[in-house]
């Protein structure tokens, strides 16, 4: 991997309405032109959760141009070739994904679904703020990786370690 190109990153979640949208906006901004972020879902809800947009606005991230879309859009001929694909929900992680052009590196970065939180407006807002914080921490760790000087095996290991950071929903793999 080299530093003189833009890396394409796809964030996957079942509904593509909250976590994957948060991650797309955060990486698109924090990646400062080095990364092009996308998001999609296996069963897109068809609309972006307004709490996700509210949280992005509160943190100063872009809130326009997002839509809930199927991951099939990124498996078709002519779609952008992904370098990295990260699942951000356990449901999408467990599903059979399309065959991705170019064999991108993948990892699971599971975060609790803030859209599943019931309660007051404050409770819901707090859940989205926490999901955004966990995703931003993962994205910051990802952005600090020396992509141009790290071998593929070490990079894969780092990507999985990032997924195990604070707030993970996935259980760590056990050695046999």
C-alpha atoms as a PDB file:
ATOM      1  CA  UNK A   1       0.000   0.000   0.000  1.00  0.00           C
ATOM      2  CA  UNK A   2       1.224   3.436  -0.816  1.00  0.00           C
ATOM      3  CA  UNK A   3       0.534   6.865   0.594  1.00  0.00           C
ATOM      4  CA  UNK A   4       0.148   8.582  -2.797  1.00  0.00           C
ATOM      5  CA  UNK A   5      -3.340   7.232  -3.456  1.00  0.00           C
ATOM      6  CA  UNK A   6      -6.791   7.543  -1.968  1.00  0.00           C
ATOM      7  CA  UNK A   7      -8.030   4.441  -0.151  1.00  0.00           C
ATOM      8  CA  UNK A   8     -11.691   3.434  -0.474  1.00  0.00           C
ATOM      9  CA  UNK A   9     -13.356   2.295   2.745  1.00  0.00           C
ATOM     10  CA  UNK A  10     -16.835   0.789   3.047  1.00  0.00           C
ATOM     11  CA  UNK A  11     -18.671   0.637   6.376  1.00  0.00           C
ATOM     12  CA  UNK A  12     -21.392  -2.010   6.540  1.00  0.00           C
ATOM     13  CA  UNK A  13     -24.360  -2.288   8.843  1.00  0.00           C
ATOM     14  CA  UNK A  14     -27.651  -4.078   8.307  1.00  0.00           C
ATOM     15  CA  UNK A  15     -29.943  -1.004   8.003  1.00  0.00           C
ATOM     16  CA  UNK A  16     -27.325   1.559   6.865  1.00  0.00           C
ATOM     17  CA  UNK A  17     -29.120   4.242   8.843  1.00  0.00           C
ATOM     18  CA  UNK A  18     -26.987   4.988  11.918  1.00  0.00           C
ATOM     19  CA  UNK A  19     -23.565   3.491  12.735  1.00  0.00           C
ATOM     20  CA  UNK A  20     -22.336   3.091   9.172  1.00  0.00           C
ATOM     21  CA  UNK A  21     -23.500   6.628   8.341  1.00  0.00           C
ATOM     22  CA  UNK A  22     -21.675   7.997  11.408  1.00  0.00           C
ATOM     23  CA  UNK A  23     -18.493   6.158  10.388  1.00  0.00           C
ATOM     24  CA  UNK A  24     -18.740   7.319   6.771  1.00  0.00           C
ATOM     25  CA  UNK A  25     -18.986  10.987   7.730  1.00  0.00           C
ATOM     26  CA  UNK A  26     -16.270  10.773  10.387  1.00  0.00           C
ATOM     27  CA  UNK A  27     -13.730   9.021   8.123  1.00  0.00           C
ATOM     28  CA  UNK A  28     -14.528  11.219   5.139  1.00  0.00           C
ATOM     29  CA  UNK A  29     -13.660  14.262   7.277  1.00  0.00           C
ATOM     30  CA  UNK A  30     -10.830  12.906   9.436  1.00  0.00           C
ATOM     31  CA  UNK A  31      -9.207  11.106   6.490  1.00  0.00           C
ATOM     32  CA  UNK A  32      -8.417  14.527   4.994  1.00  0.00           C
ATOM     33  CA  UNK A  33      -8.531  13.361   1.377  1.00  0.00           C
ATOM     34  CA  UNK A  34      -6.447  10.219   1.968  1.00  0.00           C
ATOM     35  CA  UNK A  35      -9.611   8.123   2.268  1.00  0.00           C
ATOM     36  CA  UNK A  36     -12.945   8.025   0.463  1.00  0.00           C
ATOM     37  CA  UNK A  37     -15.611   6.678   2.795  1.00  0.00           C
ATOM     38  CA  UNK A  38     -18.791   4.874   1.830  1.00  0.00           C
ATOM     39  CA  UNK A  39     -21.536   3.078   3.743  1.00  0.00           C
ATOM     40  CA  UNK A  40     -24.148   0.478   2.872  1.00  0.00           C
ATOM     41  CA  UNK A  41     -26.385  -2.162   4.383  1.00  0.00           C
ATOM     42  CA  UNK A  42     -27.560  -5.685   3.716  1.00  0.00           C
ATOM     43  CA  UNK A  43     -31.171  -4.644   4.365  1.00  0.00           C
ATOM     44  CA  UNK A  44     -31.164  -0.848   4.062  1.00  0.00           C
ATOM     45  CA  UNK A  45     -33.860   0.947   5.980  1.00  0.00           C
ATOM     46  CA  UNK A  46     -34.268   3.491   3.206  1.00  0.00           C
ATOM     47  CA  UNK A  47     -33.710   6.524   5.423  1.00  0.00           C
ATOM     48  CA  UNK A  48     -30.954   7.905   7.601  1.00  0.00           C
ATOM     49  CA  UNK A  49     -31.756   8.059  11.308  1.00  0.00           C
ATOM     50  CA  UNK A  50     -32.257  11.723  12.285  1.00  0.00           C
ATOM     51  CA  UNK A  51     -30.366  11.159  15.558  1.00  0.00           C
ATOM     52  CA  UNK A  52     -27.294  10.144  13.526  1.00  0.00           C
ATOM     53  CA  UNK A  53     -27.467  13.391  11.582  1.00  0.00           C
ATOM     54  CA  UNK A  54     -28.041  15.370  14.775  1.00  0.00           C
ATOM     55  CA  UNK A  55     -24.955  13.805  16.389  1.00  0.00           C
ATOM     56  CA  UNK A  56     -22.822  14.434  13.313  1.00  0.00           C
ATOM     57  CA  UNK A  57     -23.901  18.086  13.295  1.00  0.00           C
ATOM     58  CA  UNK A  58     -23.154  18.405  17.021  1.00  0.00           C
ATOM     59  CA  UNK A  59     -19.595  17.195  16.366  1.00  0.00           C
ATOM     60  CA  UNK A  60     -19.098  19.389  13.317  1.00  0.00           C
ATOM     61  CA  UNK A  61     -19.215  16.628  10.700  1.00  0.00           C
ATOM     62  CA  UNK A  62     -21.056  16.791   7.376  1.00  0.00           C
ATOM     63  CA  UNK A  63     -24.729  15.792   7.483  1.00  0.00           C
ATOM     64  CA  UNK A  64     -25.808  16.099   3.848  1.00  0.00           C
ATOM     65  CA  UNK A  65     -25.721  13.692   0.945  1.00  0.00           C
ATOM     66  CA  UNK A  66     -26.188  10.537   2.986  1.00  0.00           C
ATOM     67  CA  UNK A  67     -28.697   7.862   2.040  1.00  0.00           C
ATOM     68  CA  UNK A  68     -29.498   4.373   3.217  1.00  0.00           C
ATOM     69  CA  UNK A  69     -28.451   2.019   0.403  1.00  0.00           C
ATOM     70  CA  UNK A  70     -27.819  -1.634  -0.336  1.00  0.00           C
ATOM     71  CA  UNK A  71     -24.369  -3.131  -0.306  1.00  0.00           C
ATOM     72  CA  UNK A  72     -25.223  -4.590  -3.720  1.00  0.00           C
ATOM     73  CA  UNK A  73     -24.359  -1.161  -5.181  1.00  0.00           C
ATOM     74  CA  UNK A  74     -20.725  -1.804  -4.267  1.00  0.00           C
ATOM     75  CA  UNK A  75     -20.553  -5.336  -5.660  1.00  0.00           C
ATOM     76  CA  UNK A  76     -21.621  -4.373  -9.200  1.00  0.00           C
ATOM     77  CA  UNK A  77     -19.256  -3.829 -12.122  1.00  0.00           C
ATOM     78  CA  UNK A  78     -18.155  -0.208 -12.234  1.00  0.00           C
ATOM     79  CA  UNK A  79     -18.490   0.268  -8.475  1.00  0.00           C
ATOM     80  CA  UNK A  80     -15.529   1.776  -6.627  1.00  0.00           C
ATOM     81  CA  UNK A  81     -13.005  -0.912  -5.691  1.00  0.00           C
ATOM     82  CA  UNK A  82     -12.714  -1.072  -1.922  1.00  0.00           C
ATOM     83  CA  UNK A  83      -9.420  -1.306  -0.075  1.00  0.00           C
ATOM     84  CA  UNK A  84     -11.050  -1.852   3.327  1.00  0.00           C
ATOM     85  CA  UNK A  85     -14.469  -3.036   4.464  1.00  0.00           C
ATOM     86  CA  UNK A  86     -15.514  -2.763   8.108  1.00  0.00           C
ATOM     87  CA  UNK A  87     -18.719  -4.181   9.549  1.00  0.00           C
ATOM     88  CA  UNK A  88     -19.989  -2.027  12.410  1.00  0.00           C
ATOM     89  CA  UNK A  89     -22.884  -4.199  13.555  1.00  0.00           C
ATOM     90  CA  UNK A  90     -22.933  -7.827  14.593  1.00  0.00           C
ATOM     91  CA  UNK A  91     -25.829  -8.702  12.267  1.00  0.00           C
ATOM     92  CA  UNK A  92     -23.995  -7.558   9.136  1.00  0.00           C
ATOM     93  CA  UNK A  93     -20.850  -9.291  10.369  1.00  0.00           C
ATOM     94  CA  UNK A  94     -22.682 -12.618  10.485  1.00  0.00           C
ATOM     95  CA  UNK A  95     -24.275 -12.323   7.049  1.00  0.00           C
ATOM     96  CA  UNK A  96     -23.006 -13.719   3.776  1.00  0.00           C
ATOM     97  CA  UNK A  97     -21.537 -10.690   2.025  1.00  0.00           C
ATOM     98  CA  UNK A  98     -21.292 -10.171  -1.720  1.00  0.00           C
ATOM     99  CA  UNK A  99     -18.018 -10.998  -3.418  1.00  0.00           C
ATOM    100  CA  UNK A 100     -16.049  -7.776  -3.332  1.00  0.00           C
ATOM    101  CA  UNK A 101     -13.971  -6.690  -6.308  1.00  0.00           C
ATOM    102  CA  UNK A 102     -10.258  -6.506  -5.494  1.00  0.00           C
ATOM    103  CA  UNK A 103     -10.293  -8.589  -2.288  1.00  0.00           C
ATOM    104  CA  UNK A 104     -10.311  -5.743   0.249  1.00  0.00           C
ATOM    105  CA  UNK A 105      -9.023  -6.150   3.785  1.00  0.00           C
ATOM    106  CA  UNK A 106     -11.896  -6.668   6.217  1.00  0.00           C
ATOM    107  CA  UNK A 107     -12.493  -6.433   9.946  1.00  0.00           C
ATOM    108  CA  UNK A 108     -15.396  -6.289  12.345  1.00  0.00           C
ATOM    109  CA  UNK A 109     -15.698  -3.093  14.389  1.00  0.00           C
ATOM    110  CA  UNK A 110     -18.983  -3.845  16.155  1.00  0.00           C
ATOM    111  CA  UNK A 111     -20.660  -1.088  18.158  1.00  0.00           C
ATOM    112  CA  UNK A 112     -24.014  -1.266  19.971  1.00  0.00           C
ATOM    113  CA  UNK A 113     -26.948  -0.047  17.897  1.00  0.00           C
ATOM    114  CA  UNK A 114     -27.893   3.414  19.165  1.00  0.00           C
ATOM    115  CA  UNK A 115     -31.161   3.249  17.191  1.00  0.00           C
ATOM    116  CA  UNK A 116     -32.271   0.332  19.400  1.00  0.00           C
ATOM    117  CA  UNK A 117     -32.167   2.473  22.550  1.00  0.00           C
ATOM    118  CA  UNK A 118     -35.575   3.281  23.949  1.00  0.00           C
ATOM    119  CA  UNK A 119     -36.342   6.045  26.387  1.00  0.00           C
ATOM    120  CA  UNK A 120     -36.167   9.785  26.455  1.00  0.00           C
ATOM    121  CA  UNK A 121     -34.655  12.090  23.842  1.00  0.00           C
ATOM    122  CA  UNK A 122     -31.672  12.454  26.168  1.00  0.00           C
ATOM    123  CA  UNK A 123     -31.214   8.666  26.377  1.00  0.00           C
ATOM    124  CA  UNK A 124     -31.331   8.338  22.596  1.00  0.00           C
ATOM    125  CA  UNK A 125     -28.980  11.266  22.094  1.00  0.00           C
ATOM    126  CA  UNK A 126     -26.544   9.802  24.607  1.00  0.00           C
ATOM    127  CA  UNK A 127     -26.570   6.448  22.753  1.00  0.00           C
ATOM    128  CA  UNK A 128     -25.735   8.131  19.440  1.00  0.00           C
ATOM    129  CA  UNK A 129     -22.996  10.226  21.058  1.00  0.00           C
ATOM    130  CA  UNK A 130     -21.443   7.080  22.531  1.00  0.00           C
ATOM    131  CA  UNK A 131     -21.606   5.183  19.219  1.00  0.00           C
ATOM    132  CA  UNK A 132     -20.010   8.146  17.430  1.00  0.00           C
ATOM    133  CA  UNK A 133     -17.254   8.339  20.055  1.00  0.00           C
ATOM    134  CA  UNK A 134     -16.441   4.617  19.761  1.00  0.00           C
ATOM    135  CA  UNK A 135     -16.385   4.847  15.965  1.00  0.00           C
ATOM    136  CA  UNK A 136     -14.256   8.001  15.994  1.00  0.00           C
ATOM    137  CA  UNK A 137     -11.751   6.279  18.312  1.00  0.00           C
ATOM    138  CA  UNK A 138     -11.531   3.308  15.932  1.00  0.00           C
ATOM    139  CA  UNK A 139     -11.176   5.566  12.907  1.00  0.00           C
ATOM    140  CA  UNK A 140      -8.438   7.597  14.646  1.00  0.00           C
ATOM    141  CA  UNK A 141      -6.538   4.375  15.389  1.00  0.00           C
ATOM    142  CA  UNK A 142      -6.990   3.283  11.762  1.00  0.00           C
ATOM    143  CA  UNK A 143      -5.732   6.634  10.466  1.00  0.00           C
ATOM    144  CA  UNK A 144      -2.596   6.334  12.591  1.00  0.00           C
ATOM    145  CA  UNK A 145      -1.550   3.068  10.924  1.00  0.00           C
ATOM    146  CA  UNK A 146       1.510   3.372   8.655  1.00  0.00           C
ATOM    147  CA  UNK A 147      -0.243   1.951   5.572  1.00  0.00           C
ATOM    148  CA  UNK A 148       2.743   2.466   3.276  1.00  0.00           C
ATOM    149  CA  UNK A 149       5.213   0.584   5.475  1.00  0.00           C
ATOM    150  CA  UNK A 150       3.238  -2.198   7.147  1.00  0.00           C
ATOM    151  CA  UNK A 151       2.976  -5.715   5.782  1.00  0.00           C
ATOM    152  CA  UNK A 152      -0.424  -7.243   5.053  1.00  0.00           C
ATOM    153  CA  UNK A 153      -0.422  -9.687   7.972  1.00  0.00           C
ATOM    154  CA  UNK A 154       0.494  -6.998  10.510  1.00  0.00           C
ATOM    155  CA  UNK A 155      -2.093  -4.646   9.023  1.00  0.00           C
ATOM    156  CA  UNK A 156      -4.774  -7.314   9.297  1.00  0.00           C
ATOM    157  CA  UNK A 157      -3.834  -7.876  12.932  1.00  0.00           C
ATOM    158  CA  UNK A 158      -4.063  -4.140  13.666  1.00  0.00           C
ATOM    159  CA  UNK A 159      -7.469  -3.898  11.980  1.00  0.00           C
ATOM    160  CA  UNK A 160      -8.808  -6.684  14.195  1.00  0.00           C
ATOM    161  CA  UNK A 161      -7.286  -5.100  17.312  1.00  0.00           C
ATOM    162  CA  UNK A 162      -9.024  -1.837  16.459  1.00  0.00           C
ATOM    163  CA  UNK A 163     -12.293  -3.749  16.381  1.00  0.00           C
ATOM    164  CA  UNK A 164     -11.651  -4.920  19.941  1.00  0.00           C
ATOM    165  CA  UNK A 165     -11.302  -1.380  21.306  1.00  0.00           C
ATOM    166  CA  UNK A 166     -13.618   0.071  23.964  1.00  0.00           C
ATOM    167  CA  UNK A 167     -17.276  -0.365  23.111  1.00  0.00           C
ATOM    168  CA  UNK A 168     -16.957  -3.531  21.063  1.00  0.00           C
ATOM    169  CA  UNK A 169     -19.950  -5.807  20.746  1.00  0.00           C
ATOM    170  CA  UNK A 170     -17.976  -8.793  19.507  1.00  0.00           C
ATOM    171  CA  UNK A 171     -16.329 -11.259  21.812  1.00  0.00           C
ATOM    172  CA  UNK A 172     -12.590 -11.659  21.278  1.00  0.00           C
ATOM    173  CA  UNK A 173     -11.533 -14.850  19.565  1.00  0.00           C
ATOM    174  CA  UNK A 174     -10.129 -17.500  21.876  1.00  0.00           C
ATOM    175  CA  UNK A 175      -7.016 -19.470  21.151  1.00  0.00           C
ATOM    176  CA  UNK A 176      -7.538 -23.188  20.691  1.00  0.00           C
END
